[in-house]
Amino acid sequence: MASPAVDDYLKTIYHHTEWQNDPITPSQLASVLGLAPSSVTEMVRKLAAQGLVSHRPYGPITLTDAGRRRAASIIRRHRLIETWLVREFGYAWDEVHDEAEVLEHAVSDRLLDGIDTLLGHPRFDPHGDAIPDADGDVDRGPFVLLAEASPGHTGEVIRVSDRDPELLRAVEAVGMHVGTRATVQDAARVRIGEAEVALPEGAASGIWLSA
């Protein structure tokens, strides 16, 4: 069952546990995808029959090994394309997600390998998300969500959520980006160098620091 719709389900399930450990529930999956719960239930049943997910009625949904490999493959395509658009075409980090959503289903494996080689086999995309290698493996160090970091914790910004372009623009406007070193004051303020910076509303729940 190869289709963009299937890939979107698998990507969403994969994304959910990239930066935290709780598996996604059917209601959460329906909310993220903007679909009716009944539609999600039917698709999850089909994915389970294909051996791509594990799910019991009313329980959470997890990827099987086959499902994880497929999800990692499409995520690799998406994040390599985002990186390519930023580095080679001058896109801003808040502009690339929708473009990559379209292109990830269109580029051939040969072109994707060429992009990977051209970029020097990058490990992370412009938002700090790990790019799976050709085997589906990722390289990511320990991390902490800024909203959960203790006051005084110092670390580099290693990821900013790309779900909301407005958040990306707001974070950039206060001088934060992937690689910025920051010290947590509280959930609303950080120190960057000698400057105390007020975080945009909701930003602390969308920024991850090295632990």
Protein backbone atom coordinates (compact mmCIF):
# COMPACT_ATOMS: atom_id res chain seq x y z
CA MET A 1 0.00 0.00 0.00
CA ALA A 2 2.22 2.81 -1.28
CA SER A 3 0.61 6.25 -1.26
CA PRO A 4 1.23 9.76 0.07
CA ALA A 5 -1.62 9.22 2.54
CA VAL A 6 0.05 6.14 4.02
CA ASP A 7 3.35 7.98 4.19
CA ASP A 8 1.69 10.87 6.03
CA TYR A 9 0.32 8.49 8.67
CA LEU A 10 3.66 6.78 9.16
CA LYS A 11 5.55 10.09 9.32
CA THR A 12 3.14 11.47 11.91
CA ILE A 13 3.47 8.39 14.12
CA TYR A 14 7.27 8.54 13.78
CA HIS A 15 7.40 12.28 14.55
CA HIS A 16 5.36 11.84 17.71
CA THR A 17 8.02 9.81 19.49
CA GLU A 18 11.12 11.51 18.09
CA TRP A 19 11.40 13.98 20.96
CA GLN A 20 9.39 12.23 23.69
CA ASN A 21 8.56 8.63 24.54
CA ASP A 22 4.77 8.33 24.81
CA PRO A 23 3.23 6.55 21.79
CA ILE A 24 0.53 8.35 19.84
CA THR A 25 -3.15 7.58 20.42
CA PRO A 26 -5.77 7.38 17.67
CA SER A 27 -7.39 10.63 18.85
CA GLN A 28 -4.03 12.43 18.79
CA LEU A 29 -3.32 11.08 15.32
CA ALA A 30 -6.72 12.27 14.09
CA SER A 31 -6.11 15.71 15.58
CA VAL A 32 -2.67 16.15 14.00
CA LEU A 33 -3.85 14.96 10.59
CA GLY A 34 -7.10 16.93 10.78
CA LEU A 35 -9.19 13.85 10.01
CA ALA A 36 -12.29 12.24 11.47
CA PRO A 37 -11.54 9.57 14.11
CA SER A 38 -13.48 7.01 12.06
CA SER A 39 -11.24 7.63 9.04
CA VAL A 40 -8.12 7.23 11.18
CA THR A 41 -9.43 4.02 12.73
CA GLU A 42 -10.00 2.51 9.30
CA MET A 43 -6.57 3.51 7.99
CA VAL A 44 -4.81 2.24 11.12
CA ARG A 45 -6.59 -1.08 10.64
CA LYS A 46 -5.24 -1.25 7.08
CA LEU A 47 -1.73 -0.29 8.18
CA ALA A 48 -1.81 -3.01 10.84
CA ALA A 49 -2.91 -5.54 8.24
CA GLN A 50 0.08 -4.50 6.12
CA GLY A 51 2.42 -5.05 9.07
CA LEU A 52 3.36 -1.37 9.33
CA VAL A 53 1.86 -0.57 12.76
CA SER A 54 0.87 -2.35 15.94
CA HIS A 55 -2.44 -1.37 17.50
CA ARG A 56 -5.11 -2.80 19.76
CA PRO A 57 -8.58 -1.24 20.03
CA TYR A 58 -8.51 1.91 22.19
CA GLY A 59 -4.76 1.54 22.68
CA PRO A 60 -1.82 3.58 21.36
CA ILE A 61 -0.29 3.08 17.92
CA THR A 62 3.33 2.09 17.40
CA LEU A 63 5.37 1.44 14.28
CA THR A 64 6.62 -2.04 13.53
CA ASP A 65 10.19 -2.44 12.32
CA ALA A 66 8.91 -2.35 8.74
CA GLY A 67 6.82 0.73 9.47
CA ARG A 68 9.73 2.51 11.10
CA ARG A 69 12.01 1.79 8.15
CA ARG A 70 9.45 3.16 5.72
CA ALA A 71 8.75 6.23 7.87
CA ALA A 72 12.48 6.92 8.23
CA SER A 73 12.89 6.66 4.46
CA ILE A 74 10.26 9.30 3.67
CA ILE A 75 11.47 11.54 6.51
CA ARG A 76 14.99 11.28 5.11
CA ARG A 77 13.65 12.50 1.76
CA HIS A 78 11.74 15.37 3.36
CA ARG A 79 14.62 16.63 5.48
CA LEU A 80 17.25 16.33 2.77
CA ILE A 81 15.00 18.35 0.45
CA GLU A 82 14.47 21.01 3.14
CA THR A 83 18.22 21.27 3.63
CA TRP A 84 18.78 21.45 -0.14
CA LEU A 85 16.24 24.25 -0.53
CA VAL A 86 17.86 26.31 2.24
CA ARG A 87 21.47 25.80 1.19
CA GLU A 88 21.17 25.86 -2.58
CA PHE A 89 18.12 28.03 -3.28
CA GLY A 90 18.14 30.50 -0.41
CA TYR A 91 14.83 29.49 1.16
CA ALA A 92 14.26 30.60 4.75
CA TRP A 93 13.74 27.90 7.37
CA ASP A 94 10.07 28.87 7.74
CA GLU A 95 9.42 28.41 3.98
CA VAL A 96 10.68 24.92 3.24
CA HIS A 97 8.22 22.55 4.91
CA ASP A 98 5.35 22.83 2.43
CA GLU A 99 7.71 22.69 -0.57
CA ALA A 100 9.34 19.54 0.80
CA GLU A 101 5.92 17.96 1.41
CA VAL A 102 5.30 18.12 -2.34
CA LEU A 103 8.79 17.26 -3.57
CA GLU A 104 9.37 14.28 -1.25
CA HIS A 105 6.92 12.24 -3.32
CA ALA A 106 8.35 13.37 -6.67
CA VAL A 107 12.14 13.00 -6.50
CA SER A 108 13.73 9.73 -7.54
CA ASP A 109 16.07 7.74 -5.32
CA ARG A 110 18.91 8.61 -7.71
CA LEU A 111 18.24 12.34 -7.41
CA LEU A 112 17.94 12.06 -3.63
CA ASP A 113 21.32 10.32 -3.43
CA GLY A 114 22.76 13.10 -5.58
CA ILE A 115 21.32 15.75 -3.26
CA ASP A 116 22.76 13.93 -0.25
CA THR A 117 26.22 13.82 -1.86
CA LEU A 118 26.03 17.45 -3.01
CA LEU A 119 25.23 18.58 0.54
CA GLY A 120 28.02 16.50 2.09
CA HIS A 121 25.71 13.96 3.77
CA PRO A 122 24.18 16.33 6.36
CA ARG A 123 23.11 14.87 9.69
CA PHE A 124 20.50 17.51 10.54
CA ASP A 125 17.97 19.63 8.65
CA PRO A 126 17.62 23.44 9.05
CA HIS A 127 15.36 23.03 12.09
CA GLY A 128 17.74 20.64 13.87
CA ASP A 129 15.80 17.45 13.15
CA ALA A 130 18.04 14.45 12.54
CA ILE A 131 18.20 13.19 8.96
CA PRO A 132 18.06 9.37 8.93
CA ASP A 133 20.85 7.76 6.94
CA ALA A 134 20.19 5.32 4.11
CA ASP A 135 19.67 2.54 6.69
CA GLY A 136 17.15 4.60 8.68
CA ASP A 137 19.52 5.28 11.59
CA VAL A 138 19.82 8.71 13.23
CA ASP A 139 22.56 10.35 15.25
CA ARG A 140 21.21 12.52 18.06
CA GLY A 141 22.71 13.42 21.43
CA PRO A 142 20.87 13.93 24.75
CA PHE A 143 18.41 16.81 24.83
CA VAL A 144 15.93 18.67 27.02
CA LEU A 145 12.82 20.63 26.09
CA LEU A 146 13.37 24.27 27.06
CA ALA A 147 10.02 24.36 28.88
CA GLU A 148 11.26 21.51 31.10
CA ALA A 149 14.85 22.70 31.59
CA SER A 150 15.95 23.80 35.04
CA PRO A 151 16.83 27.48 35.56
CA GLY A 152 20.55 27.90 34.98
CA HIS A 153 20.76 25.10 32.42
CA THR A 154 23.05 26.07 29.54
CA GLY A 155 22.99 24.33 26.20
CA GLU A 156 22.91 24.82 22.46
CA VAL A 157 19.63 25.10 20.62
CA ILE A 158 19.53 21.78 18.79
CA ARG A 159 16.00 21.89 17.43
CA VAL A 160 13.14 24.33 16.81
CA SER A 161 9.79 22.81 15.88
CA ASP A 162 8.80 23.48 12.27
CA ARG A 163 5.07 22.92 12.82
CA ASP A 164 4.37 26.67 12.96
CA PRO A 165 6.15 29.05 10.54
CA GLU A 166 5.13 31.97 12.76
CA LEU A 167 7.04 30.42 15.66
CA LEU A 168 10.13 30.00 13.49
CA ARG A 169 10.00 33.65 12.46
CA ALA A 170 9.41 34.81 16.03
CA VAL A 171 12.30 32.73 17.39
CA GLU A 172 14.61 34.04 14.67
CA ALA A 173 13.52 37.62 15.43
CA VAL A 174 14.85 37.36 19.01
CA GLY A 175 18.19 36.03 17.79
CA MET A 176 17.75 32.30 18.35
CA HIS A 177 18.46 29.60 15.81
CA VAL A 178 19.93 26.11 15.73
CA GLY A 179 23.40 26.36 17.28
CA THR A 180 22.67 29.35 19.54
CA ARG A 181 24.04 28.84 23.06
CA ALA A 182 21.53 29.89 25.70
CA THR A 183 21.13 29.79 29.47
CA VAL A 184 17.63 29.21 30.80
CA GLN A 185 16.32 31.86 33.19
CA ASP A 186 12.80 30.46 33.30
CA ALA A 187 10.20 29.21 30.80
CA ALA A 188 9.81 32.72 29.39
CA ARG A 189 13.39 34.03 29.36
CA VAL A 190 16.88 32.93 28.35
CA ARG A 191 20.27 34.58 28.38
CA ILE A 192 22.22 34.68 25.12
CA GLY A 193 25.70 36.03 25.72
CA GLU A 194 25.23 39.10 27.90
CA ALA A 195 21.66 39.74 26.77
CA GLU A 196 18.50 38.54 28.49
CA VAL A 197 15.95 37.55 25.86
CA ALA A 198 12.20 37.26 26.33
CA LEU A 199 10.92 34.22 24.46
CA PRO A 200 7.91 34.48 22.13
CA GLU A 201 4.71 33.08 23.61
CA GLY A 202 4.70 29.29 23.47
CA ALA A 203 8.29 29.09 22.21
CA ALA A 204 9.61 27.16 25.21
CA SER A 205 7.48 24.18 24.18
CA GLY A 206 8.96 24.20 20.68
CA ILE A 207 12.69 24.59 21.41
CA TRP A 208 15.07 21.82 22.46
CA LEU A 209 18.50 22.34 24.04
CA SER A 210 21.45 20.01 24.37
CA ALA A 211 21.33 18.33 27.77
